[in-house]
Amino acid sequence: MKTKHTSFEIRPRGDFSLEEGANFIGAWHRAPSEGGEPEGHLHLAFLTDGDWTPVGVCLKQDAAGRVLGTIHGDSPKSAVVRQVERILSLDIDGTGWADVARRDPVVSRLQQMFPGFRPVNWSNAYEAAAWCIISSRISMRQGEGVKERMSRELGQRIDIHGHALWTFPGPAQLVQLEKFAGLFGRKVEYLNALGRAALSGDMDTETLRQMPRRVRVPACSSAGTQRGERASDLGAAPDGRAANRIWPLARP
């Protein structure tokens, strides 16, 4: 069955460079896209919020600053666009960011070094929490290797005009996970619990983002915070409530 392709457009509020963001995660490609033009673009593959449907997007930016995207998958356009905006920090109004540089010389120098840069976030709180578990007590490079292998072996392949990407395994796969090379200690047990929490609706990203940032999920104290994600996308919650939904499920 042929994959459905749907186009969309995002108009950033404030300065934004898709290339700067893509370079931050090492994912900027300069190659012909579907239209044949040799320009830079960013490919992403992720699970949609709530229903965990695999989807891919091809993103470009035109001379006017608009982000032009193509969805590879059958998920509703509006939901995918909202998620892409969150991933690229385009859900935030950045029109006042230039004024900060005029008041702060340090910020001014950083803006000149990284023009239009905005943090690139995890696709959702579920994948962020999984990374925190996987990367705990190992290097980022080791964690990235384990996560990549999990995606290739347990996730879904998404083909974006010849470029193969894999999504992270969905909650149902984590619930059934018994062992995986590179996961030691109680990591599999914690991932099982994360899968159950996601399936029960306790890992809804937007709900977690609306909570006050007082206490962060314990697993997010290591390599998980080094990628540039906003704290809200890592599952911040008042009084440890997000943590309490996941970790007790993994206890004897």
C-alpha atoms as a PDB file:
ATOM      1  CA  MET A   1       0.000   0.000   0.000  1.00  0.00           C
ATOM      2  CA  LYS A   2       1.366   3.425  -0.956  1.00  0.00           C
ATOM      3  CA  THR A   3       2.217   5.734   1.941  1.00  0.00           C
ATOM      4  CA  LYS A   4       0.107   8.864   2.120  1.00  0.00           C
ATOM      5  CA  HIS A   5       1.964  12.177   1.658  1.00  0.00           C
ATOM      6  CA  THR A   6       0.508  15.420   3.048  1.00  0.00           C
ATOM      7  CA  SER A   7       2.104  18.879   2.871  1.00  0.00           C
ATOM      8  CA  PHE A   8       2.035  21.599   5.511  1.00  0.00           C
ATOM      9  CA  GLU A   9       3.587  24.974   6.316  1.00  0.00           C
ATOM     10  CA  ILE A  10       4.758  26.536   9.580  1.00  0.00           C
ATOM     11  CA  ARG A  11       5.458  30.264   9.930  1.00  0.00           C
ATOM     12  CA  PRO A  12       7.931  30.753  12.803  1.00  0.00           C
ATOM     13  CA  ARG A  13       7.213  33.583  15.219  1.00  0.00           C
ATOM     14  CA  GLY A  14      10.610  35.172  15.526  1.00  0.00           C
ATOM     15  CA  ASP A  15      13.997  34.230  14.145  1.00  0.00           C
ATOM     16  CA  PHE A  16      14.497  30.570  13.278  1.00  0.00           C
ATOM     17  CA  SER A  17      16.996  28.514  11.294  1.00  0.00           C
ATOM     18  CA  LEU A  18      16.042  24.951  10.463  1.00  0.00           C
ATOM     19  CA  GLU A  19      19.632  24.261   9.440  1.00  0.00           C
ATOM     20  CA  GLU A  20      21.017  25.355  12.829  1.00  0.00           C
ATOM     21  CA  GLY A  21      18.591  23.078  14.649  1.00  0.00           C
ATOM     22  CA  ALA A  22      19.247  20.134  12.343  1.00  0.00           C
ATOM     23  CA  ASN A  23      23.015  20.560  12.664  1.00  0.00           C
ATOM     24  CA  PHE A  24      22.658  20.436  16.443  1.00  0.00           C
ATOM     25  CA  ILE A  25      21.387  16.844  16.184  1.00  0.00           C
ATOM     26  CA  GLY A  26      23.591  16.011  13.184  1.00  0.00           C
ATOM     27  CA  ALA A  27      20.673  15.533  10.811  1.00  0.00           C
ATOM     28  CA  TRP A  28      21.011  18.224   8.130  1.00  0.00           C
ATOM     29  CA  HIS A  29      21.080  16.809   4.586  1.00  0.00           C
ATOM     30  CA  ARG A  30      22.033  18.615   1.392  1.00  0.00           C
ATOM     31  CA  ALA A  31      20.673  16.393  -1.332  1.00  0.00           C
ATOM     32  CA  PRO A  32      17.830  16.408  -3.874  1.00  0.00           C
ATOM     33  CA  SER A  33      14.432  16.109  -2.232  1.00  0.00           C
ATOM     34  CA  GLU A  34      11.166  15.034  -3.811  1.00  0.00           C
ATOM     35  CA  GLY A  35      11.085  18.127  -6.019  1.00  0.00           C
ATOM     36  CA  GLY A  36      14.597  17.443  -7.252  1.00  0.00           C
ATOM     37  CA  GLU A  37      16.102  20.688  -5.938  1.00  0.00           C
ATOM     38  CA  PRO A  38      19.533  20.253  -4.264  1.00  0.00           C
ATOM     39  CA  GLU A  39      18.756  22.046  -1.003  1.00  0.00           C
ATOM     40  CA  GLY A  40      19.057  21.254   2.664  1.00  0.00           C
ATOM     41  CA  HIS A  41      16.365  19.384   4.512  1.00  0.00           C
ATOM     42  CA  LEU A  42      15.694  17.604   7.811  1.00  0.00           C
ATOM     43  CA  HIS A  43      14.095  14.165   8.085  1.00  0.00           C
ATOM     44  CA  LEU A  44      12.416  13.020  11.298  1.00  0.00           C
ATOM     45  CA  ALA A  45      10.663   9.781  12.253  1.00  0.00           C
ATOM     46  CA  PHE A  46       8.662   9.502  15.460  1.00  0.00           C
ATOM     47  CA  LEU A  47       5.575   8.119  17.173  1.00  0.00           C
ATOM     48  CA  THR A  48       2.572  10.424  17.293  1.00  0.00           C
ATOM     49  CA  ASP A  49       1.194  11.619  20.599  1.00  0.00           C
ATOM     50  CA  GLY A  50      -1.418   9.409  22.184  1.00  0.00           C
ATOM     51  CA  ASP A  51      -1.959   6.720  19.548  1.00  0.00           C
ATOM     52  CA  TRP A  52       1.766   5.993  18.980  1.00  0.00           C
ATOM     53  CA  THR A  53       1.429   5.801  15.189  1.00  0.00           C
ATOM     54  CA  PRO A  54       4.753   5.783  13.256  1.00  0.00           C
ATOM     55  CA  VAL A  55       5.149   8.834  11.044  1.00  0.00           C
ATOM     56  CA  GLY A  56       7.925  10.591   9.133  1.00  0.00           C
ATOM     57  CA  VAL A  57       8.363  14.184   8.027  1.00  0.00           C
ATOM     58  CA  CYS A  58      10.602  15.915   5.487  1.00  0.00           C
ATOM     59  CA  LEU A  59      11.250  19.549   6.421  1.00  0.00           C
ATOM     60  CA  LYS A  60      12.738  22.417   4.394  1.00  0.00           C
ATOM     61  CA  GLN A  61      12.909  26.167   4.890  1.00  0.00           C
ATOM     62  CA  ASP A  62      12.325  28.692   2.133  1.00  0.00           C
ATOM     63  CA  ALA A  63      13.860  32.144   1.627  1.00  0.00           C
ATOM     64  CA  ALA A  64      10.955  33.745   3.499  1.00  0.00           C
ATOM     65  CA  GLY A  65      11.702  31.671   6.594  1.00  0.00           C
ATOM     66  CA  ARG A  66       8.674  29.399   6.289  1.00  0.00           C
ATOM     67  CA  VAL A  67       9.143  25.743   7.251  1.00  0.00           C
ATOM     68  CA  LEU A  68       7.678  23.533   4.511  1.00  0.00           C
ATOM     69  CA  GLY A  69       6.932  19.955   5.467  1.00  0.00           C
ATOM     70  CA  THR A  70       5.724  16.718   3.949  1.00  0.00           C
ATOM     71  CA  ILE A  71       4.155  14.046   6.150  1.00  0.00           C
ATOM     72  CA  HIS A  72       4.907  10.413   5.325  1.00  0.00           C
ATOM     73  CA  GLY A  73       2.149   8.442   7.011  1.00  0.00           C
ATOM     74  CA  ASP A  74      -1.554   8.362   7.740  1.00  0.00           C
ATOM     75  CA  SER A  75      -1.734  10.422  10.943  1.00  0.00           C
ATOM     76  CA  PRO A  76      -3.961  13.533  11.057  1.00  0.00           C
ATOM     77  CA  LYS A  77      -2.164  16.558   9.647  1.00  0.00           C
ATOM     78  CA  SER A  78      -3.043  18.927  12.504  1.00  0.00           C
ATOM     79  CA  ALA A  79      -1.691  16.565  15.158  1.00  0.00           C
ATOM     80  CA  VAL A  80       1.587  15.969  13.313  1.00  0.00           C
ATOM     81  CA  VAL A  81       2.107  19.694  12.696  1.00  0.00           C
ATOM     82  CA  ARG A  82       1.609  20.456  16.414  1.00  0.00           C
ATOM     83  CA  GLN A  83       4.150  17.794  17.302  1.00  0.00           C
ATOM     84  CA  VAL A  84       6.682  19.081  14.762  1.00  0.00           C
ATOM     85  CA  GLU A  85       6.248  22.607  16.150  1.00  0.00           C
ATOM     86  CA  ARG A  86       6.989  21.306  19.644  1.00  0.00           C
ATOM     87  CA  ILE A  87      10.021  19.285  18.505  1.00  0.00           C
ATOM     88  CA  LEU A  88      11.550  22.342  16.805  1.00  0.00           C
ATOM     89  CA  SER A  89      10.489  24.794  19.560  1.00  0.00           C
ATOM     90  CA  LEU A  90       8.277  26.572  17.032  1.00  0.00           C
ATOM     91  CA  ASP A  91       5.347  26.404  19.448  1.00  0.00           C
ATOM     92  CA  ILE A  92       7.079  29.254  21.303  1.00  0.00           C
ATOM     93  CA  ASP A  93       6.766  32.901  20.287  1.00  0.00           C
ATOM     94  CA  GLY A  94      10.368  34.045  19.835  1.00  0.00           C
ATOM     95  CA  THR A  95       9.702  37.574  18.596  1.00  0.00           C
ATOM     96  CA  GLY A  96      11.199  39.080  21.763  1.00  0.00           C
ATOM     97  CA  TRP A  97      14.441  37.084  21.597  1.00  0.00           C
ATOM     98  CA  ALA A  98      16.254  39.766  19.578  1.00  0.00           C
ATOM     99  CA  ASP A  99      15.524  42.336  22.314  1.00  0.00           C
ATOM    100  CA  VAL A 100      17.308  40.129  24.857  1.00  0.00           C
ATOM    101  CA  ALA A 101      20.503  40.340  22.789  1.00  0.00           C
ATOM    102  CA  ARG A 102      20.359  44.128  22.846  1.00  0.00           C
ATOM    103  CA  ARG A 103      20.316  44.054  26.655  1.00  0.00           C
ATOM    104  CA  ASP A 104      22.770  41.193  27.222  1.00  0.00           C
ATOM    105  CA  PRO A 105      26.143  41.080  25.407  1.00  0.00           C
ATOM    106  CA  VAL A 106      26.655  37.380  26.208  1.00  0.00           C
ATOM    107  CA  VAL A 107      23.328  36.458  24.614  1.00  0.00           C
ATOM    108  CA  SER A 108      24.200  38.732  21.701  1.00  0.00           C
ATOM    109  CA  ARG A 109      27.429  36.826  21.020  1.00  0.00           C
ATOM    110  CA  LEU A 110      25.628  33.482  21.237  1.00  0.00           C
ATOM    111  CA  GLN A 111      22.966  34.632  18.806  1.00  0.00           C
ATOM    112  CA  GLN A 112      25.675  35.667  16.372  1.00  0.00           C
ATOM    113  CA  MET A 113      27.406  32.290  16.752  1.00  0.00           C
ATOM    114  CA  PHE A 114      24.169  30.326  16.288  1.00  0.00           C
ATOM    115  CA  PRO A 115      21.790  32.516  14.262  1.00  0.00           C
ATOM    116  CA  GLY A 116      18.195  31.390  14.456  1.00  0.00           C
ATOM    117  CA  PHE A 117      18.959  28.425  16.705  1.00  0.00           C
ATOM    118  CA  ARG A 118      16.165  26.959  18.837  1.00  0.00           C
ATOM    119  CA  PRO A 119      16.396  23.813  20.999  1.00  0.00           C
ATOM    120  CA  VAL A 120      15.459  20.550  19.302  1.00  0.00           C
ATOM    121  CA  ASN A 121      13.331  18.472  21.666  1.00  0.00           C
ATOM    122  CA  TRP A 122      12.393  14.834  21.982  1.00  0.00           C
ATOM    123  CA  SER A 123       9.312  13.836  20.011  1.00  0.00           C
ATOM    124  CA  ASN A 124       7.372  13.299  23.240  1.00  0.00           C
ATOM    125  CA  ALA A 125       7.809  12.721  26.977  1.00  0.00           C
ATOM    126  CA  TYR A 126       7.587   8.950  26.433  1.00  0.00           C
ATOM    127  CA  GLU A 127      10.705   8.811  24.253  1.00  0.00           C
ATOM    128  CA  ALA A 128      12.514  11.295  26.521  1.00  0.00           C
ATOM    129  CA  ALA A 129      11.841   9.111  29.557  1.00  0.00           C
ATOM    130  CA  ALA A 130      12.971   6.001  27.670  1.00  0.00           C
ATOM    131  CA  TRP A 131      16.248   7.742  26.784  1.00  0.00           C
ATOM    132  CA  CYS A 132      16.795   8.665  30.424  1.00  0.00           C
ATOM    133  CA  ILE A 133      16.449   5.007  31.417  1.00  0.00           C
ATOM    134  CA  ILE A 134      18.599   3.676  28.575  1.00  0.00           C
ATOM    135  CA  SER A 135      21.404   6.240  29.049  1.00  0.00           C
ATOM    136  CA  SER A 136      21.611   5.959  32.820  1.00  0.00           C
ATOM    137  CA  ARG A 137      25.150   5.065  34.089  1.00  0.00           C
ATOM    138  CA  ILE A 138      26.655   4.833  30.588  1.00  0.00           C
ATOM    139  CA  SER A 139      28.070   7.365  28.119  1.00  0.00           C
ATOM    140  CA  MET A 140      25.858   9.184  25.635  1.00  0.00           C
ATOM    141  CA  ARG A 141      27.599   7.362  22.790  1.00  0.00           C
ATOM    142  CA  GLN A 142      26.786   3.977  24.349  1.00  0.00           C
ATOM    143  CA  GLY A 143      23.221   5.056  25.044  1.00  0.00           C
ATOM    144  CA  GLU A 144      22.751   6.246  21.482  1.00  0.00           C
ATOM    145  CA  GLY A 145      23.983   2.868  20.225  1.00  0.00           C
ATOM    146  CA  VAL A 146      21.521   0.938  22.370  1.00  0.00           C
ATOM    147  CA  LYS A 147      18.616   3.214  21.420  1.00  0.00           C
ATOM    148  CA  GLU A 148      19.490   2.987  17.718  1.00  0.00           C
ATOM    149  CA  ARG A 149      19.556  -0.818  17.845  1.00  0.00           C
ATOM    150  CA  MET A 150      16.259  -0.915  19.703  1.00  0.00           C
ATOM    151  CA  SER A 151      14.700   1.308  17.047  1.00  0.00           C
ATOM    152  CA  ARG A 152      15.996  -0.820  14.180  1.00  0.00           C
ATOM    153  CA  GLU A 153      15.071  -4.158  15.764  1.00  0.00           C
ATOM    154  CA  LEU A 154      11.828  -3.271  17.569  1.00  0.00           C
ATOM    155  CA  GLY A 155      10.608  -0.027  15.982  1.00  0.00           C
ATOM    156  CA  GLN A 156       8.988   0.816  12.657  1.00  0.00           C
ATOM    157  CA  ARG A 157      10.865   1.703   9.463  1.00  0.00           C
ATOM    158  CA  ILE A 158       9.857   4.939   7.748  1.00  0.00           C
ATOM    159  CA  ASP A 159      11.017   5.635   4.188  1.00  0.00           C
ATOM    160  CA  ILE A 160      11.331   9.323   3.311  1.00  0.00           C
ATOM    161  CA  HIS A 161      11.998   9.426  -0.457  1.00  0.00           C
ATOM    162  CA  GLY A 162      14.749   6.817  -0.201  1.00  0.00           C
ATOM    163  CA  HIS A 163      16.096   7.710   3.249  1.00  0.00           C
ATOM    164  CA  ALA A 164      15.292   4.952   5.766  1.00  0.00           C
ATOM    165  CA  LEU A 165      14.642   5.965   9.376  1.00  0.00           C
ATOM    166  CA  TRP A 166      13.313   3.973  12.332  1.00  0.00           C
ATOM    167  CA  THR A 167      10.985   5.114  15.089  1.00  0.00           C
ATOM    168  CA  PHE A 168      11.578   4.182  18.705  1.00  0.00           C
ATOM    169  CA  PRO A 169       9.542   1.115  19.772  1.00  0.00           C
ATOM    170  CA  GLY A 170       6.027   1.869  20.939  1.00  0.00           C
ATOM    171  CA  PRO A 171       4.733   1.263  24.479  1.00  0.00           C
ATOM    172  CA  ALA A 172       3.287  -2.140  23.555  1.00  0.00           C
ATOM    173  CA  GLN A 173       6.758  -3.330  22.542  1.00  0.00           C
ATOM    174  CA  LEU A 174       8.329  -2.050  25.769  1.00  0.00           C
ATOM    175  CA  VAL A 175       5.728  -3.841  27.880  1.00  0.00           C
ATOM    176  CA  GLN A 176       6.700  -7.148  26.249  1.00  0.00           C
ATOM    177  CA  LEU A 177      10.450  -6.555  26.395  1.00  0.00           C
ATOM    178  CA  GLU A 178      12.278  -9.282  28.371  1.00  0.00           C
ATOM    179  CA  LYS A 179      15.906  -8.470  27.592  1.00  0.00           C
ATOM    180  CA  PHE A 180      18.029  -6.460  25.202  1.00  0.00           C
ATOM    181  CA  ALA A 181      21.775  -6.234  24.728  1.00  0.00           C
ATOM    182  CA  GLY A 182      23.147  -3.182  26.533  1.00  0.00           C
ATOM    183  CA  LEU A 183      20.309  -2.914  29.053  1.00  0.00           C
ATOM    184  CA  PHE A 184      21.581  -3.977  32.476  1.00  0.00           C
ATOM    185  CA  GLY A 185      20.312  -3.892  36.034  1.00  0.00           C
ATOM    186  CA  ARG A 186      16.617  -3.026  36.224  1.00  0.00           C
ATOM    187  CA  LYS A 187      16.500  -1.013  32.998  1.00  0.00           C
ATOM    188  CA  VAL A 188      14.268  -3.532  31.200  1.00  0.00           C
ATOM    189  CA  GLU A 189      11.967  -3.558  34.222  1.00  0.00           C
ATOM    190  CA  TYR A 190      11.772   0.241  34.182  1.00  0.00           C
ATOM    191  CA  LEU A 191      11.085   0.274  30.427  1.00  0.00           C
ATOM    192  CA  ASN A 192       8.283  -2.260  30.981  1.00  0.00           C
ATOM    193  CA  ALA A 193       6.808   0.128  33.543  1.00  0.00           C
ATOM    194  CA  LEU A 194       7.205   3.086  31.198  1.00  0.00           C
ATOM    195  CA  GLY A 195       5.319   1.204  28.490  1.00  0.00           C
ATOM    196  CA  ARG A 196       2.451   0.458  30.872  1.00  0.00           C
ATOM    197  CA  ALA A 197       2.341   4.085  32.014  1.00  0.00           C
ATOM    198  CA  ALA A 198       2.228   5.307  28.401  1.00  0.00           C
ATOM    199  CA  LEU A 199      -0.564   2.893  27.469  1.00  0.00           C
ATOM    200  CA  SER A 200      -2.591   4.027  30.480  1.00  0.00           C
ATOM    201  CA  GLY A 201      -2.263   7.683  29.454  1.00  0.00           C
ATOM    202  CA  ASP A 202       0.114   8.799  32.203  1.00  0.00           C
ATOM    203  CA  MET A 203       2.825   9.958  29.771  1.00  0.00           C
ATOM    204  CA  ASP A 204       0.784  12.524  27.867  1.00  0.00           C
ATOM    205  CA  THR A 205       3.341  15.169  26.891  1.00  0.00           C
ATOM    206  CA  GLU A 206       1.034  18.175  26.888  1.00  0.00           C
ATOM    207  CA  THR A 207      -0.355  17.277  30.323  1.00  0.00           C
ATOM    208  CA  LEU A 208       3.140  16.962  31.755  1.00  0.00           C
ATOM    209  CA  ARG A 209       4.254  20.240  30.152  1.00  0.00           C
ATOM    210  CA  GLN A 210       1.420  22.121  31.868  1.00  0.00           C
ATOM    211  CA  MET A 211       2.592  21.015  35.309  1.00  0.00           C
ATOM    212  CA  PRO A 212       4.839  23.365  37.339  1.00  0.00           C
ATOM    213  CA  ARG A 213       8.547  22.576  36.998  1.00  0.00           C
ATOM    214  CA  ARG A 214       9.427  21.679  40.567  1.00  0.00           C
ATOM    215  CA  VAL A 215      10.635  18.111  40.646  1.00  0.00           C
ATOM    216  CA  ARG A 216      12.102  16.253  37.658  1.00  0.00           C
ATOM    217  CA  VAL A 217      11.774  12.532  36.967  1.00  0.00           C
ATOM    218  CA  PRO A 218      14.795  10.883  38.692  1.00  0.00           C
ATOM    219  CA  ALA A 219      16.022   9.088  35.558  1.00  0.00           C
ATOM    220  CA  CYS A 220      16.471  12.407  33.770  1.00  0.00           C
ATOM    221  CA  SER A 221      19.436  13.459  35.872  1.00  0.00           C
ATOM    222  CA  SER A 222      22.118  12.021  33.581  1.00  0.00           C
ATOM    223  CA  ALA A 223      22.755  12.062  29.835  1.00  0.00           C
ATOM    224  CA  GLY A 224      19.107  12.728  29.086  1.00  0.00           C
ATOM    225  CA  THR A 225      19.498  16.418  29.889  1.00  0.00           C
ATOM    226  CA  GLN A 226      22.492  16.962  27.618  1.00  0.00           C
ATOM    227  CA  ARG A 227      20.725  16.994  24.256  1.00  0.00           C
ATOM    228  CA  GLY A 228      19.105  20.403  24.626  1.00  0.00           C
ATOM    229  CA  GLU A 229      15.560  19.341  25.465  1.00  0.00           C
ATOM    230  CA  ARG A 230      13.275  21.698  27.339  1.00  0.00           C
ATOM    231  CA  ALA A 231      12.744  20.466  30.878  1.00  0.00           C
ATOM    232  CA  SER A 232       8.992  20.309  30.274  1.00  0.00           C
ATOM    233  CA  ASP A 233       9.498  17.650  27.603  1.00  0.00           C
ATOM    234  CA  LEU A 234      11.509  15.526  30.032  1.00  0.00           C
ATOM    235  CA  GLY A 235       8.535  14.978  32.286  1.00  0.00           C
ATOM    236  CA  ALA A 236       8.842  17.698  34.919  1.00  0.00           C
ATOM    237  CA  ALA A 237       6.130  17.419  37.531  1.00  0.00           C
ATOM    238  CA  PRO A 238       5.196  18.925  40.896  1.00  0.00           C
ATOM    239  CA  ASP A 239       5.965  16.834  43.967  1.00  0.00           C
ATOM    240  CA  GLY A 240       7.365  14.003  41.855  1.00  0.00           C
ATOM    241  CA  ARG A 241       3.959  12.945  40.550  1.00  0.00           C
ATOM    242  CA  ALA A 242       5.192  11.920  37.093  1.00  0.00           C
ATOM    243  CA  ALA A 243       7.922   9.817  38.658  1.00  0.00           C
ATOM    244  CA  ASN A 244       5.472   8.249  41.081  1.00  0.00           C
ATOM    245  CA  ARG A 245       3.308   7.083  38.178  1.00  0.00           C
ATOM    246  CA  ILE A 246       6.152   5.107  36.597  1.00  0.00           C
ATOM    247  CA  TRP A 247       8.660   3.867  39.140  1.00  0.00           C
ATOM    248  CA  PRO A 248       6.312   2.142  41.661  1.00  0.00           C
ATOM    249  CA  LEU A 249       5.102  -0.086  38.832  1.00  0.00           C
ATOM    250  CA  ALA A 250       8.616  -1.520  38.553  1.00  0.00           C
ATOM    251  CA  ARG A 251       9.038  -2.255  42.238  1.00  0.00           C
ATOM    252  CA  PRO A 252       8.565  -5.780  43.664  1.00  0.00           C
END
